[in-house]
């Protein structure tokens, strides 16, 4: 209601430069350049102390929030090609939340191939302690468990946790 009176829409969960890139895509149907999105977004360091999102990560989150699938898929593909030790844990967490299977697999491969770097990071410790399902996926992937079998194990764990939660509340 206030938006119709003031003719201003306030978007608080997205940096202005990221939202401008998002609007530019919506109005022109032109994908942004990778170079434009490689720099950090104008967000400060996140509340959990992790580094700020890159504009690519932020644009991916916005495209997911507003369900702009073509932009979402493009951002995911770009993120697959830009993984770094510093960002892989944050990206893996988001890929898990957004159910972005290809990006999640790319992150798992990156962690497996660069474990000496990644496992030393505080972001990795935080990820595995706060996201046990992601920790299980990392373990299964690095152990070489086939994808279908790993998915069945993760699903069985989810069901067990749900059943445990129901039993505790009864």
Protein backbone atom coordinates (compact mmCIF):
# COMPACT_ATOMS: atom_id res chain seq x y z
CA UNK A 1 0.00 0.00 0.00
CA UNK A 2 2.73 2.45 0.92
CA UNK A 3 4.43 1.76 -2.42
CA UNK A 4 1.37 2.95 -4.34
CA UNK A 5 1.23 6.17 -2.34
CA UNK A 6 4.94 6.97 -2.43
CA UNK A 7 5.63 5.36 -5.83
CA UNK A 8 8.82 3.94 -4.30
CA UNK A 9 9.51 0.27 -3.74
CA UNK A 10 12.18 -0.43 -1.15
CA UNK A 11 14.21 -3.60 -1.68
CA UNK A 12 16.24 -4.12 1.47
CA UNK A 13 17.77 -7.54 0.89
CA UNK A 14 19.74 -6.72 -2.25
CA UNK A 15 22.51 -4.26 -3.06
CA UNK A 16 21.53 -1.52 -5.49
CA UNK A 17 24.13 -2.46 -8.11
CA UNK A 18 22.94 -6.07 -8.10
CA UNK A 19 19.30 -5.11 -8.41
CA UNK A 20 20.15 -2.74 -11.28
CA UNK A 21 21.79 -5.66 -13.12
CA UNK A 22 18.70 -7.75 -12.41
CA UNK A 23 16.34 -5.06 -13.74
CA UNK A 24 18.55 -4.51 -16.79
CA UNK A 25 18.17 -8.21 -17.58
CA UNK A 26 14.39 -8.12 -17.06
CA UNK A 27 13.94 -5.12 -19.35
CA UNK A 28 16.43 -6.04 -22.08
CA UNK A 29 16.68 -9.85 -21.89
CA UNK A 30 20.44 -9.38 -22.25
CA UNK A 31 22.62 -11.34 -19.89
CA UNK A 32 25.20 -9.28 -18.00
CA UNK A 33 28.90 -9.72 -18.74
CA UNK A 34 30.92 -11.90 -16.43
CA UNK A 35 33.41 -9.07 -15.96
CA UNK A 36 30.68 -6.75 -14.66
CA UNK A 37 29.68 -9.30 -12.05
CA UNK A 38 33.13 -10.50 -10.98
CA UNK A 39 33.65 -7.75 -8.44
CA UNK A 40 32.23 -7.98 -4.91
CA UNK A 41 28.76 -6.59 -4.46
CA UNK A 42 28.45 -3.41 -2.44
CA UNK A 43 27.29 -5.42 0.57
CA UNK A 44 29.38 -5.31 3.70
CA UNK A 45 30.84 -8.44 5.28
CA UNK A 46 27.98 -10.77 6.13
CA UNK A 47 26.68 -11.23 9.68
CA UNK A 48 28.40 -14.60 10.03
CA UNK A 49 31.78 -13.00 9.25
CA UNK A 50 32.13 -14.61 5.83
CA UNK A 51 33.20 -12.49 2.87
CA UNK A 52 30.54 -10.54 0.99
CA UNK A 53 28.83 -12.18 -1.95
CA UNK A 54 30.20 -11.49 -5.37
CA UNK A 55 27.73 -9.75 -7.62
CA UNK A 56 27.33 -13.05 -9.47
CA UNK A 57 26.27 -14.82 -6.26
CA UNK A 58 23.97 -11.95 -5.33
CA UNK A 59 22.39 -11.89 -8.81
CA UNK A 60 21.90 -15.65 -8.59
CA UNK A 61 20.11 -15.24 -5.25
CA UNK A 62 17.87 -12.48 -6.64
CA UNK A 63 17.07 -14.48 -9.78
CA UNK A 64 16.14 -17.41 -7.55
CA UNK A 65 14.00 -15.26 -5.26
CA UNK A 66 12.03 -13.86 -8.19
CA UNK A 67 12.11 -17.18 -10.11
CA UNK A 68 13.79 -15.88 -13.25
CA UNK A 69 14.96 -19.27 -14.45
CA UNK A 70 17.05 -18.35 -17.48
CA UNK A 71 19.11 -15.88 -15.44
CA UNK A 72 19.30 -18.36 -12.60
CA UNK A 73 20.71 -21.10 -14.86
CA UNK A 74 23.19 -18.68 -16.42
CA UNK A 75 24.43 -17.55 -12.99
CA UNK A 76 24.77 -21.17 -11.87
CA UNK A 77 26.82 -22.02 -14.96
CA UNK A 78 29.09 -19.02 -14.39
CA UNK A 79 29.53 -19.89 -10.71
CA UNK A 80 30.56 -23.44 -11.70
CA UNK A 81 33.42 -21.90 -13.68
CA UNK A 82 34.46 -19.39 -11.01
CA UNK A 83 34.75 -21.50 -7.87
CA UNK A 84 37.46 -20.57 -5.41
CA UNK A 85 38.50 -21.93 -2.03
CA UNK A 86 37.25 -18.76 -0.34
CA UNK A 87 33.75 -18.91 -1.82
CA UNK A 88 33.05 -22.61 -2.41
CA UNK A 89 31.50 -23.29 1.01
CA UNK A 90 29.09 -20.36 0.74
CA UNK A 91 28.18 -21.32 -2.82
CA UNK A 92 27.71 -24.98 -1.85
CA UNK A 93 25.38 -24.00 0.98
CA UNK A 94 23.28 -21.87 -1.38
CA UNK A 95 23.32 -24.55 -4.08
CA UNK A 96 22.00 -27.00 -1.49
CA UNK A 97 19.26 -24.60 -0.37
CA UNK A 98 18.28 -23.73 -3.95
CA UNK A 99 18.52 -27.39 -5.02
CA UNK A 100 20.94 -26.47 -7.81
CA UNK A 101 22.23 -29.98 -8.52
CA UNK A 102 24.87 -29.12 -11.16
CA UNK A 103 26.36 -26.32 -9.08
CA UNK A 104 26.27 -28.47 -5.96
CA UNK A 105 28.15 -31.22 -7.82
CA UNK A 106 30.71 -28.70 -9.11
CA UNK A 107 31.27 -27.46 -5.54
CA UNK A 108 31.67 -31.01 -4.24
CA UNK A 109 34.22 -31.73 -6.99
CA UNK A 110 36.08 -28.52 -6.17
CA UNK A 111 36.23 -29.42 -2.48
CA UNK A 112 37.45 -32.94 -3.31
CA UNK A 113 40.12 -31.64 -5.70
CA UNK A 114 41.24 -28.80 -3.41
CA UNK A 115 40.70 -30.37 -0.01
CA UNK A 116 44.10 -29.24 1.33
CA UNK A 117 43.03 -25.61 0.90
CA UNK A 118 39.31 -25.85 1.68
CA UNK A 119 39.41 -28.03 4.79
CA UNK A 120 41.61 -25.47 6.60
CA UNK A 121 39.07 -22.67 6.21
CA UNK A 122 36.74 -21.50 8.96
CA UNK A 123 33.98 -21.38 6.35
CA UNK A 124 34.35 -25.15 5.89
CA UNK A 125 34.17 -25.81 9.64
CA UNK A 126 31.09 -23.61 9.87
CA UNK A 127 29.47 -25.33 6.90
CA UNK A 128 29.85 -28.87 8.21
CA UNK A 129 28.77 -27.95 11.74
CA UNK A 130 25.70 -25.94 10.71
CA UNK A 131 24.66 -28.02 7.69
CA UNK A 132 25.00 -31.74 8.57
CA UNK A 133 23.23 -32.83 5.39
CA UNK A 134 25.80 -30.95 3.30
CA UNK A 135 28.58 -32.49 5.40
CA UNK A 136 27.15 -35.93 4.61
CA UNK A 137 27.04 -35.09 0.89
CA UNK A 138 30.69 -33.97 1.00
CA UNK A 139 31.68 -37.18 2.78
CA UNK A 140 29.76 -39.41 0.36
CA UNK A 141 31.09 -37.57 -2.71
CA UNK A 142 34.72 -37.65 -1.60
CA UNK A 143 34.35 -41.34 -0.70
CA UNK A 144 33.26 -42.03 -4.27
CA UNK A 145 29.78 -43.29 -3.42
CA UNK A 146 27.72 -43.44 -6.65
CA UNK A 147 25.32 -40.53 -7.08
CA UNK A 148 22.09 -42.57 -6.89
CA UNK A 149 23.24 -44.41 -3.79
CA UNK A 150 24.36 -41.17 -2.13
CA UNK A 151 20.97 -39.59 -2.88
CA UNK A 152 19.23 -42.58 -1.27
CA UNK A 153 21.42 -42.29 1.83
CA UNK A 154 20.73 -38.56 2.15
CA UNK A 155 16.99 -39.14 1.67
CA UNK A 156 16.96 -41.93 4.29
CA UNK A 157 18.69 -39.59 6.74
CA UNK A 158 16.07 -36.89 6.09
CA UNK A 159 13.26 -39.36 6.74
CA UNK A 160 14.94 -40.56 9.94
CA UNK A 161 15.36 -36.98 11.18
CA UNK A 162 11.72 -36.19 10.40
CA UNK A 163 10.54 -39.32 12.21
CA UNK A 164 12.76 -38.51 15.20
CA UNK A 165 11.27 -35.01 15.32
CA UNK A 166 7.71 -36.37 15.25
CA UNK A 167 8.48 -38.87 18.02
CA UNK A 168 10.02 -36.17 20.24
CA UNK A 169 6.97 -33.93 19.94
CA UNK A 170 4.52 -36.78 20.71
